[in-house]
Amino acid sequence: MKQHAIVVGGGTWGLPTALKLQDEGWQVTVLERFETGGPFASAGGSSRLWRLADTQVWRSRAMLGTLAAMERLGERIGEPVFRRTGALWRDDESLDDVARALASIDQRYVRVPAAEVGEYFPGLRPDGRDALFVEEAGVVFADRLLAGVLREFVAAGGDYRPNTRVTRIAPDLEHATVTLADGTELTAAQVLLSAGPGTSELLPGLNLTLPLTPYMEQVVYVGEPGSTPPAPDLPGLIDCTRSDEPGVYAMPNGNAGYKIGLDVPLRTLAGRTLGDDLDRAEWPDRTEEIRARVERDLTAIVPNVLATQVCTWTDSGDGDFIIGRTHPSVVLACGDSGEGFKYAAFMGEYLADLLRGGDGDAEFQQYWNPDRFGSAAVPRDDFSPIGRH
């Protein structure tokens, strides 16, 4: 008889995990409140930035594991899920730490003097800060990855249930019971809770309190209307925060234009959980602020707004993921902290191993352990900008 697993949340981490388990002979049910990749999903959109650069050595080691995992996932679904573009990381505080972390995993980088940033990122306005150019960085094809994984999961016999809201998870020693909004109860030997901003409302059934703060975020696609592509094929960009303005993260996005966002949330979700807060309206002031930054700093790109997108991300109390077994029948994966998608392929393998009874990587679990907050599980009001972790 096949082992049965329920995955609550068919998004960035849940769906690749479900496919991995299904391939290994489990019977897997995915319960997705909305639709994978839809307008209310936190994992919507066509692209995400991935990079190995970080200020922490252990984080760079974790991200190194994503490269091989993305290759394997691409082979599994029959199409590549990422491409390398390189990325420029500009800052006046974090460069030495980033260089140290990259060296620890034998990754090449170039130290770029402030006046020469345009040689690595054409059209970037110098602002007096040095930068690092990192070859191992690029774009995850987010929509392609999710659509391909969902297609293959269903083809392999997986049970995918969109528009299905979970209201409670109740574990015991041998299984866990999942209650749906219509009163239906499902049981499984293992449950993965990977519900993004909807995680907090399911923690009471697990007798857990965690410091989670879901935020709204907005990105803008810019370029020349009618051109193919509408923007040059530039590298990715991490332009870290300064005292007088927030940082910028940006990436090429083919025919959609160059994608850019400010490293500061729009707002906190009502009640610090997804609940019924489904407002995904564009903020015109944020759109103009981003457009103006493009016009000032990214001079190789025509500063026309082609489209906007609003989505969610969930910060943890310290900016690190919250991942681990909380009960004999439950594994928790939350607190993406704005970096979940670059780990999508990696987490599919990592979380599947935890559900099979594995212990996970000892160093990663030191930082990701759900028990690390103890009694101080109070959501914070701030967040960790890129380069300040």
Protein backbone atom coordinates (compact mmCIF):
# COMPACT_ATOMS: atom_id res chain seq x y z
CA MET A 1 0.00 0.00 0.00
CA LYS A 2 1.33 3.42 -0.97
CA GLN A 3 2.21 5.97 1.67
CA HIS A 4 -0.18 8.92 1.52
CA ALA A 5 0.96 12.52 1.91
CA ILE A 6 -1.06 15.72 1.85
CA VAL A 7 0.60 18.93 0.74
CA VAL A 8 -1.20 22.06 1.93
CA GLY A 9 -0.22 24.80 -0.53
CA GLY A 10 0.44 24.07 -4.21
CA GLY A 11 3.05 26.75 -4.77
CA THR A 12 6.79 27.31 -4.91
CA TRP A 13 7.83 24.71 -2.34
CA GLY A 14 4.76 22.50 -2.04
CA LEU A 15 4.30 21.52 -5.66
CA PRO A 16 7.91 20.42 -6.41
CA THR A 17 7.83 18.40 -3.18
CA ALA A 18 4.59 16.74 -4.24
CA LEU A 19 6.07 15.75 -7.62
CA LYS A 20 9.19 14.33 -5.97
CA LEU A 21 7.16 12.19 -3.57
CA GLN A 22 4.77 11.07 -6.32
CA ASP A 23 7.74 9.98 -8.42
CA GLU A 24 9.03 7.98 -5.44
CA GLY A 25 5.86 5.93 -5.19
CA TRP A 26 3.81 7.91 -2.69
CA GLN A 27 0.20 8.88 -3.26
CA VAL A 28 0.10 12.65 -2.88
CA THR A 29 -2.81 15.05 -2.56
CA VAL A 30 -2.15 18.77 -3.10
CA LEU A 31 -4.67 21.15 -1.55
CA GLU A 32 -4.36 24.63 -3.05
CA ARG A 33 -6.59 27.43 -1.77
CA PHE A 34 -6.57 29.28 -5.10
CA GLU A 35 -4.92 28.10 -8.32
CA THR A 36 -1.22 27.48 -8.75
CA GLY A 37 0.33 30.55 -10.38
CA GLY A 38 -3.00 32.44 -10.32
CA PRO A 39 -3.58 36.09 -9.40
CA PHE A 40 -3.87 35.40 -5.65
CA ALA A 41 -0.94 33.00 -5.42
CA SER A 42 2.21 34.30 -3.76
CA ALA A 43 4.19 32.47 -6.46
CA GLY A 44 2.67 34.20 -9.49
CA GLY A 45 4.51 35.90 -12.33
CA SER A 46 6.86 34.71 -15.04
CA SER A 47 10.31 35.15 -13.49
CA ARG A 48 12.33 35.38 -10.31
CA LEU A 49 15.95 36.37 -9.70
CA TRP A 50 18.34 33.68 -8.47
CA ARG A 51 21.87 34.21 -7.27
CA LEU A 52 24.56 32.55 -5.20
CA ALA A 53 25.67 35.87 -3.72
CA ASP A 54 24.78 36.49 -0.09
CA THR A 55 26.37 37.95 3.01
CA GLN A 56 26.22 34.63 4.88
CA VAL A 57 28.50 31.69 4.04
CA TRP A 58 25.89 29.09 4.95
CA ARG A 59 23.26 30.77 2.80
CA SER A 60 25.57 30.75 -0.21
CA ARG A 61 26.19 27.04 0.40
CA ALA A 62 22.43 26.44 0.49
CA MET A 63 21.93 28.38 -2.74
CA LEU A 64 24.73 26.42 -4.41
CA GLY A 65 22.54 23.35 -3.95
CA THR A 66 19.84 25.00 -6.03
CA LEU A 67 21.90 24.86 -9.22
CA ALA A 68 22.04 21.09 -9.58
CA ALA A 69 18.46 20.83 -8.32
CA MET A 70 17.24 23.22 -11.04
CA GLU A 71 19.04 21.15 -13.66
CA ARG A 72 17.41 17.97 -12.38
CA LEU A 73 13.95 19.52 -12.22
CA GLY A 74 14.29 20.88 -15.74
CA GLU A 75 15.18 17.41 -17.00
CA ARG A 76 12.20 15.95 -15.14
CA ILE A 77 9.64 18.31 -16.68
CA GLY A 78 11.29 18.39 -20.10
CA GLU A 79 12.27 22.06 -20.31
CA PRO A 80 14.83 24.34 -18.62
CA VAL A 81 13.62 26.22 -15.57
CA PHE A 82 16.41 28.81 -15.37
CA ARG A 83 19.08 30.60 -17.35
CA ARG A 84 22.29 32.35 -16.41
CA THR A 85 22.53 36.09 -16.97
CA GLY A 86 25.04 37.11 -14.30
CA ALA A 87 24.21 39.75 -11.72
CA LEU A 88 25.74 42.92 -10.36
CA TRP A 89 25.61 43.45 -6.58
CA ARG A 90 26.27 47.08 -5.63
CA ASP A 91 26.64 48.29 -2.05
CA ASP A 92 28.81 50.28 0.34
CA GLU A 93 28.52 47.86 3.30
CA SER A 94 28.15 44.23 2.28
CA LEU A 95 30.67 43.61 -0.52
CA ASP A 96 33.40 42.09 1.64
CA ASP A 97 30.95 39.68 3.26
CA VAL A 98 29.50 38.69 -0.11
CA ALA A 99 32.98 38.15 -1.56
CA ARG A 100 33.90 35.98 1.44
CA ALA A 101 30.76 33.88 1.07
CA LEU A 102 31.32 33.37 -2.67
CA ALA A 103 34.95 32.39 -2.11
CA SER A 104 33.84 29.81 0.45
CA ILE A 105 31.90 27.95 -2.27
CA ASP A 106 34.57 28.48 -4.97
CA GLN A 107 32.49 30.90 -7.04
CA ARG A 108 34.09 33.50 -9.25
CA TYR A 109 33.33 37.19 -8.98
CA VAL A 110 34.81 40.46 -10.19
CA ARG A 111 35.29 43.46 -7.95
CA VAL A 112 34.01 46.43 -9.97
CA PRO A 113 35.13 49.97 -9.10
CA ALA A 114 32.32 52.50 -8.75
CA ALA A 115 33.15 54.33 -11.98
CA GLU A 116 33.16 51.09 -14.02
CA VAL A 117 29.78 49.56 -13.16
CA GLY A 118 28.51 50.41 -16.66
CA GLU A 119 31.02 47.96 -18.15
CA TYR A 120 29.22 45.09 -16.46
CA PHE A 121 25.71 46.55 -16.43
CA PRO A 122 25.34 48.79 -19.51
CA GLY A 123 23.64 52.07 -18.73
CA LEU A 124 23.85 51.79 -14.92
CA ARG A 125 24.51 55.22 -13.44
CA PRO A 126 27.56 55.27 -11.15
CA ASP A 127 26.72 56.48 -7.63
CA GLY A 128 30.07 56.21 -5.87
CA ARG A 129 29.61 52.64 -4.66
CA ASP A 130 31.68 49.65 -5.78
CA ALA A 131 30.06 46.42 -6.89
CA LEU A 132 30.66 42.72 -7.45
CA PHE A 133 29.80 41.00 -10.70
CA VAL A 134 28.80 37.37 -10.14
CA GLU A 135 28.60 34.96 -13.06
CA GLU A 136 26.42 32.38 -11.31
CA ALA A 137 23.16 34.28 -11.22
CA GLY A 138 20.16 34.57 -13.46
CA VAL A 139 16.45 34.09 -13.87
CA VAL A 140 14.13 31.30 -12.75
CA PHE A 141 11.28 30.79 -15.23
CA ALA A 142 8.67 30.84 -12.49
CA ASP A 143 5.52 30.26 -14.50
CA ARG A 144 7.19 27.58 -16.64
CA LEU A 145 8.47 25.78 -13.56
CA LEU A 146 5.11 25.71 -11.78
CA ALA A 147 3.12 24.80 -14.89
CA GLY A 148 5.56 22.03 -15.79
CA VAL A 149 5.65 20.58 -12.30
CA LEU A 150 1.86 20.65 -12.03
CA ARG A 151 1.50 18.99 -15.44
CA GLU A 152 3.91 16.21 -14.56
CA PHE A 153 2.45 15.75 -11.08
CA VAL A 154 -1.03 15.15 -12.46
CA ALA A 155 0.33 12.94 -15.25
CA ALA A 156 2.09 10.81 -12.62
CA GLY A 157 -1.22 10.21 -10.83
CA GLY A 158 -1.06 13.02 -8.30
CA ASP A 159 -4.31 14.41 -6.84
CA TYR A 160 -4.40 18.19 -7.36
CA ARG A 161 -7.31 20.08 -5.80
CA PRO A 162 -7.39 23.82 -6.55
CA ASN A 163 -9.83 26.24 -4.92
CA THR A 164 -9.73 24.14 -1.76
CA ARG A 165 -9.36 25.95 1.53
CA VAL A 166 -7.91 24.15 4.55
CA THR A 167 -9.15 25.30 7.96
CA ARG A 168 -7.31 23.00 10.36
CA ILE A 169 -4.51 20.45 10.61
CA ALA A 170 -4.70 18.09 13.59
CA PRO A 171 -1.74 15.69 13.99
CA ASP A 172 -1.26 12.61 16.11
CA LEU A 173 1.51 10.04 16.32
CA GLU A 174 0.57 8.02 13.25
CA HIS A 175 -1.22 10.43 10.92
CA ALA A 176 -2.67 13.92 10.58
CA THR A 177 -6.22 14.98 9.81
CA VAL A 178 -6.79 17.92 7.48
CA THR A 179 -10.16 19.68 7.65
CA LEU A 180 -11.49 21.58 4.64
CA ALA A 181 -13.78 24.61 4.63
CA ASP A 182 -16.76 22.43 3.65
CA GLY A 183 -16.20 20.15 6.66
CA THR A 184 -14.55 17.31 4.74
CA GLU A 185 -11.76 15.56 6.64
CA LEU A 186 -8.76 13.92 4.96
CA THR A 187 -6.08 11.89 6.69
CA ALA A 188 -2.54 11.06 5.66
CA ALA A 189 0.58 9.56 7.14
CA GLN A 190 2.45 12.81 6.44
CA VAL A 191 1.34 16.40 5.91
CA LEU A 192 3.47 19.23 4.53
CA LEU A 193 2.25 22.69 5.51
CA SER A 194 3.62 25.07 2.87
CA ALA A 195 0.78 27.58 2.62
CA GLY A 196 2.80 30.81 2.34
CA PRO A 197 0.91 33.76 3.84
CA GLY A 198 -1.92 31.43 4.83
CA THR A 199 0.29 29.47 7.23
CA SER A 200 -0.44 31.49 10.37
CA GLU A 201 -4.14 30.65 10.43
CA LEU A 202 -3.31 26.92 10.46
CA LEU A 203 -0.76 27.02 13.30
CA PRO A 204 -3.28 26.77 16.18
CA GLY A 205 -4.16 23.20 15.20
CA LEU A 206 -0.46 22.37 15.52
CA ASN A 207 -0.23 24.19 18.87
CA LEU A 208 2.41 26.50 17.41
CA THR A 209 3.05 30.22 17.51
CA LEU A 210 5.56 31.64 15.06
CA PRO A 211 6.70 35.18 14.14
CA LEU A 212 5.35 35.45 10.59
CA THR A 213 4.56 38.72 8.82
CA PRO A 214 3.05 38.51 5.33
CA TYR A 215 3.68 41.53 3.09
CA MET A 216 2.38 42.81 -0.21
CA GLU A 217 5.02 43.59 -2.85
CA GLN A 218 4.82 45.24 -6.27
CA VAL A 219 7.07 44.94 -9.31
CA VAL A 220 7.04 46.84 -12.59
CA TYR A 221 8.01 45.73 -16.11
CA VAL A 222 9.61 48.49 -18.17
CA GLY A 223 10.79 48.92 -21.73
CA GLU A 224 9.91 50.15 -25.21
CA PRO A 225 6.35 49.22 -26.29
CA GLY A 226 6.27 47.39 -29.61
CA SER A 227 9.94 46.39 -29.52
CA THR A 228 10.99 42.73 -29.42
CA PRO A 229 12.37 42.40 -26.85
CA PRO A 230 11.21 45.63 -25.19
CA ALA A 231 14.40 45.97 -23.11
CA PRO A 232 18.06 44.98 -23.56
CA ASP A 233 19.11 41.58 -22.24
CA LEU A 234 20.87 42.99 -19.20
CA PRO A 235 22.17 41.08 -16.18
CA GLY A 236 20.32 40.86 -12.90
CA LEU A 237 20.82 43.67 -10.43
CA ILE A 238 20.94 43.91 -6.64
CA ASP A 239 21.34 47.59 -5.81
CA CYS A 240 21.35 47.60 -2.04
CA THR A 241 19.61 50.10 0.18
CA ARG A 242 21.12 53.47 1.04
CA SER A 243 20.29 55.73 3.94
CA ASP A 244 18.12 57.95 1.75
CA GLU A 245 16.28 55.39 -0.42
CA PRO A 246 15.38 51.69 -0.60
CA GLY A 247 17.34 49.20 -2.62
CA VAL A 248 16.36 47.77 -5.99
CA TYR A 249 16.27 44.21 -7.31
CA ALA A 250 15.83 43.65 -11.03
CA MET A 251 16.14 41.08 -13.79
CA PRO A 252 15.64 40.60 -17.54
CA ASN A 253 12.29 39.11 -18.47
CA GLY A 254 12.28 38.62 -22.24
CA ASN A 255 9.19 39.90 -24.00
CA ALA A 256 7.61 41.16 -20.77
CA GLY A 257 10.29 43.85 -20.33
CA TYR A 258 12.90 44.42 -17.65
CA LYS A 259 11.43 43.52 -14.24
CA ILE A 260 12.24 45.74 -11.29
CA GLY A 261 11.07 46.17 -7.70
CA LEU A 262 11.98 48.21 -4.66
CA ASP A 263 13.38 46.35 -1.69
CA VAL A 264 10.60 47.55 0.61
CA PRO A 265 7.07 46.10 1.00
CA LEU A 266 3.87 47.89 0.02
CA ARG A 267 2.06 46.97 3.22
CA THR A 268 1.41 44.24 5.78
CA LEU A 269 -1.52 41.93 5.15
CA ALA A 270 -4.50 42.51 7.44
CA GLY A 271 -4.15 40.61 10.69
CA ARG A 272 -0.66 39.41 9.68
CA THR A 273 -2.14 36.52 7.74
CA LEU A 274 -3.69 35.95 4.36
CA GLY A 275 -7.20 35.55 5.78
CA ASP A 276 -9.50 37.17 3.25
CA ASP A 277 -7.12 40.01 2.35
CA LEU A 278 -7.18 39.55 -1.42
CA ASP A 279 -6.61 43.14 -2.52
CA ARG A 280 -3.99 43.00 -5.27
CA ALA A 281 -4.48 46.50 -6.68
CA GLU A 282 -1.48 48.37 -8.07
CA TRP A 283 -0.18 51.34 -6.09
CA PRO A 284 0.29 54.13 -8.66
CA ASP A 285 2.76 55.98 -6.43
CA ARG A 286 4.97 52.89 -6.21
CA THR A 287 4.75 52.41 -9.97
CA GLU A 288 5.94 55.97 -10.56
CA GLU A 289 8.68 55.68 -7.96
CA ILE A 290 10.08 52.61 -9.72
CA ARG A 291 9.71 54.18 -13.17
CA ALA A 292 11.63 57.24 -11.95
CA ARG A 293 14.43 55.06 -10.59
CA VAL A 294 14.72 53.36 -13.98
CA GLU A 295 14.87 56.72 -15.74
CA ARG A 296 17.57 57.97 -13.36
CA ASP A 297 19.71 54.86 -12.84
CA LEU A 298 19.09 52.35 -15.66
CA THR A 299 19.69 54.56 -18.65
CA ALA A 300 19.87 51.74 -21.24
CA ILE A 301 16.19 50.94 -20.65
CA VAL A 302 13.33 53.05 -21.98
CA PRO A 303 11.45 54.07 -18.80
CA ASN A 304 7.97 53.14 -20.00
CA VAL A 305 5.77 51.03 -17.75
CA LEU A 306 4.55 47.96 -19.65
CA ALA A 307 2.86 46.13 -16.76
CA THR A 308 2.73 45.83 -12.99
CA GLN A 309 2.26 42.89 -10.67
CA VAL A 310 1.34 42.64 -6.98
CA CYS A 311 2.04 39.51 -4.95
CA THR A 312 2.87 38.43 -1.40
CA TRP A 313 5.85 37.23 0.58
CA THR A 314 6.13 36.21 4.22
CA ASP A 315 8.92 37.33 6.51
CA SER A 316 10.01 35.35 9.55
CA GLY A 317 11.18 36.79 12.85
CA ASP A 318 14.82 36.75 11.79
CA GLY A 319 14.58 36.70 8.00
CA ASP A 320 15.45 33.01 7.67
CA PHE A 321 13.21 30.17 6.53
CA ILE A 322 11.21 28.15 9.05
CA ILE A 323 11.55 24.53 7.99
CA GLY A 324 11.41 21.28 9.91
CA ARG A 325 9.36 18.54 11.47
CA THR A 326 6.96 19.82 14.12
CA HIS A 327 5.10 16.54 14.79
CA PRO A 328 5.64 12.90 13.82
CA SER A 329 3.16 13.44 10.97
CA VAL A 330 3.78 17.09 10.04
CA VAL A 331 6.59 18.98 8.32
CA LEU A 332 6.40 22.78 8.21
CA ALA A 333 7.90 25.00 5.50
CA CYS A 334 7.20 28.73 5.73
CA GLY A 335 8.81 32.15 6.11
CA ASP A 336 10.08 32.44 2.53
CA SER A 337 11.37 35.92 3.46
CA GLY A 338 11.21 37.05 -0.16
CA GLU A 339 13.65 34.40 -1.38
CA GLY A 340 11.46 31.32 -1.77
CA PHE A 341 11.44 30.87 -5.53
CA LYS A 342 15.18 30.61 -6.03
CA TYR A 343 14.96 27.55 -3.75
CA ALA A 344 11.95 25.93 -5.47
CA ALA A 345 13.77 23.00 -7.06
CA PHE A 346 16.01 22.52 -4.04
CA MET A 347 13.08 22.49 -1.62
CA GLY A 348 11.26 19.90 -3.68
CA GLU A 349 14.07 17.48 -2.88
CA TYR A 350 14.85 18.72 0.63
CA LEU A 351 11.28 18.69 1.93
CA ALA A 352 10.55 15.32 0.34
CA ASP A 353 13.50 13.93 2.31
CA LEU A 354 12.14 15.38 5.56
CA LEU A 355 8.73 13.85 4.88
CA ARG A 356 10.40 10.46 4.31
CA GLY A 357 11.95 10.76 7.78
CA GLY A 358 15.28 12.39 6.95
CA ASP A 359 16.98 14.80 9.34
CA GLY A 360 17.94 17.47 6.81
CA ASP A 361 21.27 19.29 6.64
CA ALA A 362 22.58 19.93 10.17
CA GLU A 363 23.83 23.45 9.43
CA PHE A 364 20.71 24.50 7.55
CA GLN A 365 18.47 23.16 10.29
CA GLN A 366 20.38 25.17 12.86
CA TYR A 367 19.07 28.30 11.13
CA TRP A 368 15.71 26.94 9.90
CA ASN A 369 14.56 25.03 12.99
CA PRO A 370 10.92 25.99 13.83
CA ASP A 371 11.78 25.77 17.57
CA ARG A 372 14.50 28.41 17.44
CA PHE A 373 12.24 31.30 18.48
CA GLY A 374 11.14 29.71 21.75
CA SER A 375 8.71 31.93 23.65
CA ALA A 376 9.83 35.04 21.73
CA ALA A 377 7.63 34.23 18.74
CA VAL A 378 6.43 37.79 18.19
CA PRO A 379 6.20 39.03 14.58
CA ARG A 380 8.50 41.96 13.92
CA ASP A 381 7.47 45.23 12.35
CA ASP A 382 10.59 45.66 10.22
CA PHE A 383 12.28 43.41 7.67
CA SER A 384 15.82 42.61 6.53
CA PRO A 385 16.76 44.42 3.32
CA ILE A 386 19.04 42.59 0.90
CA GLY A 387 22.64 42.89 2.07
CA ARG A 388 21.70 43.70 5.67
CA HIS A 389 20.93 40.21 6.92
